[in-house]
Amino acid sequence: MDNLHNKYAPYWAAAMVVFGTIGVSTINFDLGSFWKGYVLDIVGPAWNYILFRGLFTERANNFWTRFFTPNKTFCIFVLVCFGIETLQYFQFYESTFDPFDLIAYLIILTPLYILDSKIVKQD
């Protein structure tokens, strides 16, 4: 199990850096409304999924890694993202509700979850 996790860790780390860099660059560069409106919603949950799951580093066996299984992590992230949109819909804070944000959250997060789940099942 450790060997398989550690084998893929550099790839997860690279993906996390790429997603993080793209996400942060939405603040510094204006490449249009899609860039400003959706790119962070697409890559933000993805890099955080990798971070929370500890996929980017050597396998560790502790409370954190046992709690944040692929299923739990995916469900928590979807609930949080959809919860944020729900708060926007009901105007709990000054923002704009956009139903396309719900899709944006899942664009990369879902494939990462599926890939992670398949790797865990191989162990």
N, C-alpha and C. Protein backbone atom coordinates (compact mmCIF):
# COMPACT_ATOMS: atom_id res chain seq x y z
N MET A 1 0.82 -1.19 0.00
CA MET A 1 0.00 0.00 0.00
C MET A 1 0.86 1.26 0.00
N ASP A 2 1.86 1.28 0.85
CA ASP A 2 2.75 2.43 0.91
C ASP A 2 3.48 2.64 -0.41
N ASN A 3 3.94 1.55 -1.01
CA ASN A 3 4.70 1.67 -2.25
C ASN A 3 3.87 2.29 -3.37
N LEU A 4 2.61 1.88 -3.50
CA LEU A 4 1.75 2.42 -4.54
C LEU A 4 1.46 3.90 -4.29
N HIS A 5 1.15 4.23 -3.04
CA HIS A 5 0.91 5.63 -2.68
C HIS A 5 2.15 6.47 -2.98
N ASN A 6 3.30 6.01 -2.54
CA ASN A 6 4.54 6.76 -2.72
C ASN A 6 4.93 6.85 -4.19
N LYS A 7 4.59 5.85 -4.97
CA LYS A 7 4.89 5.85 -6.41
C LYS A 7 4.19 7.01 -7.11
N TYR A 8 2.94 7.28 -6.73
CA TYR A 8 2.15 8.32 -7.38
C TYR A 8 2.30 9.69 -6.73
N ALA A 9 2.91 9.77 -5.57
CA ALA A 9 3.02 11.03 -4.83
C ALA A 9 3.64 12.17 -5.64
N PRO A 10 4.71 11.95 -6.39
CA PRO A 10 5.28 13.07 -7.17
C PRO A 10 4.30 13.62 -8.21
N TYR A 11 3.48 12.75 -8.78
CA TYR A 11 2.51 13.20 -9.78
C TYR A 11 1.40 14.02 -9.13
N TRP A 12 0.95 13.56 -7.96
CA TRP A 12 -0.04 14.32 -7.21
C TRP A 12 0.53 15.67 -6.79
N ALA A 13 1.80 15.68 -6.38
CA ALA A 13 2.44 16.93 -5.96
C ALA A 13 2.52 17.90 -7.14
N ALA A 14 2.89 17.40 -8.30
CA ALA A 14 2.96 18.25 -9.50
C ALA A 14 1.58 18.81 -9.84
N ALA A 15 0.56 17.97 -9.76
CA ALA A 15 -0.80 18.42 -10.05
C ALA A 15 -1.23 19.49 -9.05
N MET A 16 -0.89 19.30 -7.78
CA MET A 16 -1.26 20.27 -6.76
C MET A 16 -0.58 21.62 -7.03
N VAL A 17 0.68 21.59 -7.42
CA VAL A 17 1.40 22.84 -7.73
C VAL A 17 0.77 23.52 -8.95
N VAL A 18 0.46 22.75 -9.97
CA VAL A 18 -0.16 23.32 -11.18
C VAL A 18 -1.51 23.94 -10.84
N PHE A 19 -2.36 23.19 -10.14
CA PHE A 19 -3.68 23.71 -9.79
C PHE A 19 -3.57 24.94 -8.89
N GLY A 20 -2.67 24.89 -7.93
CA GLY A 20 -2.47 26.03 -7.03
C GLY A 20 -1.98 27.26 -7.76
N THR A 21 -1.03 27.07 -8.66
CA THR A 21 -0.49 28.19 -9.44
C THR A 21 -1.56 28.81 -10.32
N ILE A 22 -2.33 27.96 -10.98
CA ILE A 22 -3.41 28.48 -11.82
C ILE A 22 -4.43 29.22 -10.97
N GLY A 23 -4.79 28.65 -9.83
CA GLY A 23 -5.76 29.30 -8.97
C GLY A 23 -5.31 30.66 -8.47
N VAL A 24 -4.08 30.75 -8.00
CA VAL A 24 -3.55 32.01 -7.50
C VAL A 24 -3.39 33.03 -8.64
N SER A 25 -3.08 32.54 -9.83
CA SER A 25 -2.89 33.46 -10.95
C SER A 25 -4.19 34.13 -11.39
N THR A 26 -5.34 33.59 -10.98
CA THR A 26 -6.60 34.27 -11.33
C THR A 26 -6.71 35.62 -10.64
N ILE A 27 -5.96 35.80 -9.58
CA ILE A 27 -5.95 37.09 -8.88
C ILE A 27 -5.05 38.09 -9.61
N ASN A 28 -3.94 37.60 -10.17
CA ASN A 28 -2.93 38.47 -10.75
C ASN A 28 -3.14 38.78 -12.23
N PHE A 29 -3.87 37.94 -12.94
CA PHE A 29 -4.04 38.11 -14.38
C PHE A 29 -5.51 38.14 -14.73
N ASP A 30 -5.87 39.05 -15.62
CA ASP A 30 -7.25 39.13 -16.08
C ASP A 30 -7.30 38.59 -17.51
N LEU A 31 -7.77 37.37 -17.64
CA LEU A 31 -7.85 36.73 -18.95
C LEU A 31 -9.30 36.55 -19.38
N GLY A 32 -10.19 37.36 -18.85
CA GLY A 32 -11.58 37.31 -19.25
C GLY A 32 -12.50 36.84 -18.15
N SER A 33 -13.78 36.84 -18.47
CA SER A 33 -14.79 36.53 -17.46
C SER A 33 -14.76 35.07 -17.02
N PHE A 34 -14.49 34.14 -17.94
CA PHE A 34 -14.39 32.73 -17.55
C PHE A 34 -13.24 32.54 -16.56
N TRP A 35 -12.11 33.17 -16.86
CA TRP A 35 -10.92 33.08 -15.99
C TRP A 35 -11.25 33.60 -14.60
N LYS A 36 -11.86 34.76 -14.53
CA LYS A 36 -12.17 35.38 -13.23
C LYS A 36 -13.33 34.68 -12.53
N GLY A 37 -14.26 34.11 -13.29
CA GLY A 37 -15.47 33.58 -12.69
C GLY A 37 -15.45 32.12 -12.33
N TYR A 38 -14.66 31.32 -13.09
CA TYR A 38 -14.77 29.88 -12.91
C TYR A 38 -13.47 29.13 -12.64
N VAL A 39 -12.37 29.65 -13.06
CA VAL A 39 -11.12 28.88 -12.97
C VAL A 39 -10.76 28.54 -11.52
N LEU A 40 -10.88 29.49 -10.62
CA LEU A 40 -10.58 29.19 -9.21
C LEU A 40 -11.58 28.16 -8.65
N ASP A 41 -12.83 28.24 -9.08
CA ASP A 41 -13.82 27.25 -8.66
C ASP A 41 -13.50 25.86 -9.20
N ILE A 42 -12.83 25.79 -10.32
CA ILE A 42 -12.44 24.51 -10.92
C ILE A 42 -11.22 23.92 -10.22
N VAL A 43 -10.17 24.72 -10.05
CA VAL A 43 -8.90 24.19 -9.53
C VAL A 43 -8.80 24.22 -8.00
N GLY A 44 -9.54 25.10 -7.34
CA GLY A 44 -9.46 25.21 -5.88
C GLY A 44 -9.81 23.93 -5.15
N PRO A 45 -10.99 23.35 -5.40
CA PRO A 45 -11.30 22.08 -4.74
C PRO A 45 -10.34 20.96 -5.11
N ALA A 46 -9.81 21.00 -6.33
CA ALA A 46 -8.89 19.95 -6.77
C ALA A 46 -7.59 19.98 -5.98
N TRP A 47 -6.97 21.15 -5.86
CA TRP A 47 -5.69 21.19 -5.13
C TRP A 47 -5.92 20.92 -3.65
N ASN A 48 -7.05 21.35 -3.12
CA ASN A 48 -7.33 21.07 -1.71
C ASN A 48 -7.62 19.60 -1.47
N TYR A 49 -8.24 18.92 -2.42
CA TYR A 49 -8.47 17.48 -2.29
C TYR A 49 -7.13 16.76 -2.16
N ILE A 50 -6.17 17.10 -3.02
CA ILE A 50 -4.84 16.49 -2.97
C ILE A 50 -4.17 16.80 -1.63
N LEU A 51 -4.31 18.03 -1.18
CA LEU A 51 -3.71 18.45 0.09
C LEU A 51 -4.33 17.71 1.27
N PHE A 52 -5.64 17.70 1.36
CA PHE A 52 -6.31 17.05 2.48
C PHE A 52 -6.07 15.55 2.51
N ARG A 53 -6.00 14.92 1.35
CA ARG A 53 -5.77 13.49 1.29
C ARG A 53 -4.31 13.13 1.53
N GLY A 54 -3.41 14.10 1.50
CA GLY A 54 -1.99 13.82 1.70
C GLY A 54 -1.40 13.03 0.55
N LEU A 55 -1.96 13.20 -0.63
CA LEU A 55 -1.51 12.42 -1.79
C LEU A 55 -0.16 12.89 -2.32
N PHE A 56 0.23 14.09 -1.98
CA PHE A 56 1.43 14.71 -2.53
C PHE A 56 2.72 14.33 -1.80
N THR A 57 2.61 13.56 -0.75
CA THR A 57 3.77 13.24 0.07
C THR A 57 3.81 11.75 0.40
N GLU A 58 4.83 11.35 1.11
CA GLU A 58 4.93 9.96 1.55
C GLU A 58 3.70 9.56 2.33
N ARG A 59 3.33 8.33 2.20
CA ARG A 59 2.15 7.82 2.91
C ARG A 59 2.38 7.89 4.41
N ALA A 60 1.37 8.38 5.10
CA ALA A 60 1.39 8.44 6.55
C ALA A 60 0.16 7.71 7.07
N ASN A 61 0.30 7.08 8.20
CA ASN A 61 -0.82 6.40 8.81
C ASN A 61 -1.11 7.08 10.14
N ASN A 62 -2.01 8.04 10.11
CA ASN A 62 -2.37 8.77 11.32
C ASN A 62 -3.86 9.09 11.29
N PHE A 63 -4.34 9.76 12.31
CA PHE A 63 -5.77 10.06 12.39
C PHE A 63 -6.25 10.82 11.16
N TRP A 64 -5.49 11.82 10.74
CA TRP A 64 -5.87 12.65 9.59
C TRP A 64 -6.07 11.80 8.34
N THR A 65 -5.09 10.98 8.01
CA THR A 65 -5.16 10.19 6.77
C THR A 65 -6.21 9.09 6.87
N ARG A 66 -6.45 8.59 8.06
CA ARG A 66 -7.52 7.58 8.21
C ARG A 66 -8.90 8.22 8.13
N PHE A 67 -9.03 9.45 8.60
CA PHE A 67 -10.32 10.14 8.54
C PHE A 67 -10.65 10.57 7.11
N PHE A 68 -9.69 11.19 6.43
CA PHE A 68 -9.94 11.72 5.09
C PHE A 68 -9.73 10.65 4.03
N THR A 69 -10.67 9.71 3.99
CA THR A 69 -10.69 8.71 2.94
C THR A 69 -11.17 9.38 1.65
N PRO A 70 -11.00 8.72 0.51
CA PRO A 70 -11.50 9.34 -0.73
C PRO A 70 -12.99 9.70 -0.66
N ASN A 71 -13.81 8.78 -0.16
CA ASN A 71 -15.25 9.04 -0.10
C ASN A 71 -15.59 10.20 0.81
N LYS A 72 -15.04 10.20 2.03
CA LYS A 72 -15.33 11.27 2.98
C LYS A 72 -14.84 12.61 2.45
N THR A 73 -13.64 12.64 1.91
CA THR A 73 -13.07 13.90 1.42
C THR A 73 -13.92 14.46 0.29
N PHE A 74 -14.29 13.62 -0.65
CA PHE A 74 -15.11 14.07 -1.77
C PHE A 74 -16.45 14.60 -1.27
N CYS A 75 -17.10 13.85 -0.41
CA CYS A 75 -18.40 14.27 0.12
C CYS A 75 -18.31 15.58 0.89
N ILE A 76 -17.30 15.71 1.73
CA ILE A 76 -17.12 16.95 2.50
C ILE A 76 -16.90 18.13 1.57
N PHE A 77 -16.05 17.95 0.58
CA PHE A 77 -15.75 19.04 -0.35
C PHE A 77 -16.99 19.44 -1.14
N VAL A 78 -17.75 18.47 -1.61
CA VAL A 78 -18.97 18.78 -2.36
C VAL A 78 -19.97 19.50 -1.46
N LEU A 79 -20.13 19.03 -0.22
CA LEU A 79 -21.05 19.69 0.71
C LEU A 79 -20.62 21.13 1.00
N VAL A 80 -19.33 21.34 1.21
CA VAL A 80 -18.84 22.69 1.49
C VAL A 80 -19.04 23.60 0.28
N CYS A 81 -18.65 23.14 -0.89
CA CYS A 81 -18.78 23.95 -2.11
C CYS A 81 -20.24 24.28 -2.40
N PHE A 82 -21.09 23.27 -2.33
CA PHE A 82 -22.51 23.49 -2.59
C PHE A 82 -23.13 24.34 -1.47
N GLY A 83 -22.63 24.18 -0.25
CA GLY A 83 -23.09 25.01 0.86
C GLY A 83 -22.77 26.48 0.63
N ILE A 84 -21.59 26.75 0.13
CA ILE A 84 -21.21 28.13 -0.17
C ILE A 84 -22.16 28.72 -1.21
N GLU A 85 -22.46 27.95 -2.24
CA GLU A 85 -23.39 28.44 -3.27
C GLU A 85 -24.79 28.63 -2.70
N THR A 86 -25.19 27.76 -1.80
CA THR A 86 -26.51 27.89 -1.17
C THR A 86 -26.57 29.18 -0.36
N LEU A 87 -25.51 29.47 0.38
CA LEU A 87 -25.46 30.73 1.14
C LEU A 87 -25.53 31.93 0.21
N GLN A 88 -24.89 31.82 -0.95
CA GLN A 88 -24.96 32.92 -1.93
C GLN A 88 -26.38 33.06 -2.48
N TYR A 89 -27.02 31.94 -2.73
CA TYR A 89 -28.39 31.96 -3.26
C TYR A 89 -29.33 32.67 -2.29
N PHE A 90 -29.18 32.38 -1.01
CA PHE A 90 -30.03 33.00 -0.01
C PHE A 90 -29.48 34.33 0.50
N GLN A 91 -28.44 34.85 -0.14
CA GLN A 91 -27.85 36.16 0.11
C GLN A 91 -27.45 36.37 1.57
N PHE A 92 -26.78 35.34 2.13
CA PHE A 92 -26.26 35.47 3.50
C PHE A 92 -25.09 36.43 3.55
N TYR A 93 -24.43 36.65 2.43
CA TYR A 93 -23.36 37.63 2.34
C TYR A 93 -23.37 38.19 0.92
N GLU A 94 -22.69 39.30 0.74
CA GLU A 94 -22.72 39.99 -0.55
C GLU A 94 -21.92 39.20 -1.59
N SER A 95 -22.63 38.61 -2.51
CA SER A 95 -22.01 37.82 -3.57
C SER A 95 -23.08 37.54 -4.62
N THR A 96 -22.65 36.86 -5.67
CA THR A 96 -23.55 36.54 -6.76
C THR A 96 -23.66 35.03 -6.90
N PHE A 97 -24.87 34.52 -6.80
CA PHE A 97 -25.11 33.10 -7.00
C PHE A 97 -24.99 32.79 -8.49
N ASP A 98 -24.28 31.71 -8.80
CA ASP A 98 -24.13 31.27 -10.18
C ASP A 98 -24.24 29.75 -10.19
N PRO A 99 -25.31 29.20 -10.78
CA PRO A 99 -25.46 27.74 -10.78
C PRO A 99 -24.34 27.02 -11.53
N PHE A 100 -23.67 27.71 -12.45
CA PHE A 100 -22.56 27.08 -13.17
C PHE A 100 -21.36 26.84 -12.25
N ASP A 101 -21.30 27.54 -11.13
CA ASP A 101 -20.25 27.28 -10.14
C ASP A 101 -20.35 25.86 -9.61
N LEU A 102 -21.57 25.35 -9.47
CA LEU A 102 -21.76 23.99 -8.98
C LEU A 102 -21.10 22.98 -9.91
N ILE A 103 -21.19 23.21 -11.20
CA ILE A 103 -20.54 22.35 -12.19
C ILE A 103 -19.02 22.55 -12.13
N ALA A 104 -18.61 23.81 -12.01
CA ALA A 104 -17.17 24.12 -11.99
C ALA A 104 -16.46 23.39 -10.85
N TYR A 105 -17.10 23.33 -9.69
CA TYR A 105 -16.48 22.66 -8.55
C TYR A 105 -16.17 21.20 -8.85
N LEU A 106 -16.99 20.58 -9.66
CA LEU A 106 -16.88 19.13 -9.90
C LEU A 106 -16.03 18.75 -11.10
N ILE A 107 -15.67 19.70 -11.95
CA ILE A 107 -14.99 19.40 -13.21
C ILE A 107 -13.69 18.63 -13.01
N ILE A 108 -12.86 19.06 -12.09
CA ILE A 108 -11.59 18.35 -11.84
C ILE A 108 -11.69 17.50 -10.58
N LEU A 109 -12.48 17.95 -9.61
CA LEU A 109 -12.60 17.22 -8.35
C LEU A 109 -13.10 15.80 -8.56
N THR A 110 -14.09 15.62 -9.40
CA THR A 110 -14.66 14.29 -9.62
C THR A 110 -13.65 13.32 -10.26
N PRO A 111 -12.96 13.72 -11.33
CA PRO A 111 -11.95 12.79 -11.88
C PRO A 111 -10.83 12.47 -10.89
N LEU A 112 -10.40 13.45 -10.08
CA LEU A 112 -9.37 13.18 -9.07
C LEU A 112 -9.87 12.16 -8.06
N TYR A 113 -11.10 12.32 -7.63
CA TYR A 113 -11.71 11.37 -6.68
C TYR A 113 -11.77 9.97 -7.27
N ILE A 114 -12.20 9.86 -8.52
CA ILE A 114 -12.29 8.55 -9.17
C ILE A 114 -10.92 7.92 -9.29
N LEU A 115 -9.93 8.68 -9.72
CA LEU A 115 -8.56 8.18 -9.85
C LEU A 115 -8.01 7.75 -8.49
N ASP A 116 -8.19 8.59 -7.49
CA ASP A 116 -7.72 8.27 -6.14
C ASP A 116 -8.40 6.99 -5.62
N SER A 117 -9.69 6.88 -5.83
CA SER A 117 -10.42 5.69 -5.37
C SER A 117 -9.91 4.43 -6.04
N LYS A 118 -9.61 4.50 -7.32
CA LYS A 118 -9.09 3.33 -8.04
C LYS A 118 -7.72 2.93 -7.52
N ILE A 119 -6.89 3.91 -7.23
CA ILE A 119 -5.56 3.61 -6.70
C ILE A 119 -5.67 2.97 -5.32
N VAL A 120 -6.57 3.51 -4.48
CA VAL A 120 -6.76 2.94 -3.13
C VAL A 120 -7.27 1.50 -3.23
N LYS A 121 -8.15 1.23 -4.16
CA LYS A 121 -8.70 -0.12 -4.31
C LYS A 121 -7.65 -1.11 -4.81
N GLN A 122 -6.62 -0.63 -5.52
CA GLN A 122 -5.54 -1.52 -5.99
C GLN A 122 -4.71 -2.02 -4.84
N ASP A 123 -4.71 -1.27 -3.74
CA ASP A 123 -3.86 -1.63 -2.60
C ASP A 123 -4.35 -2.86 -1.90
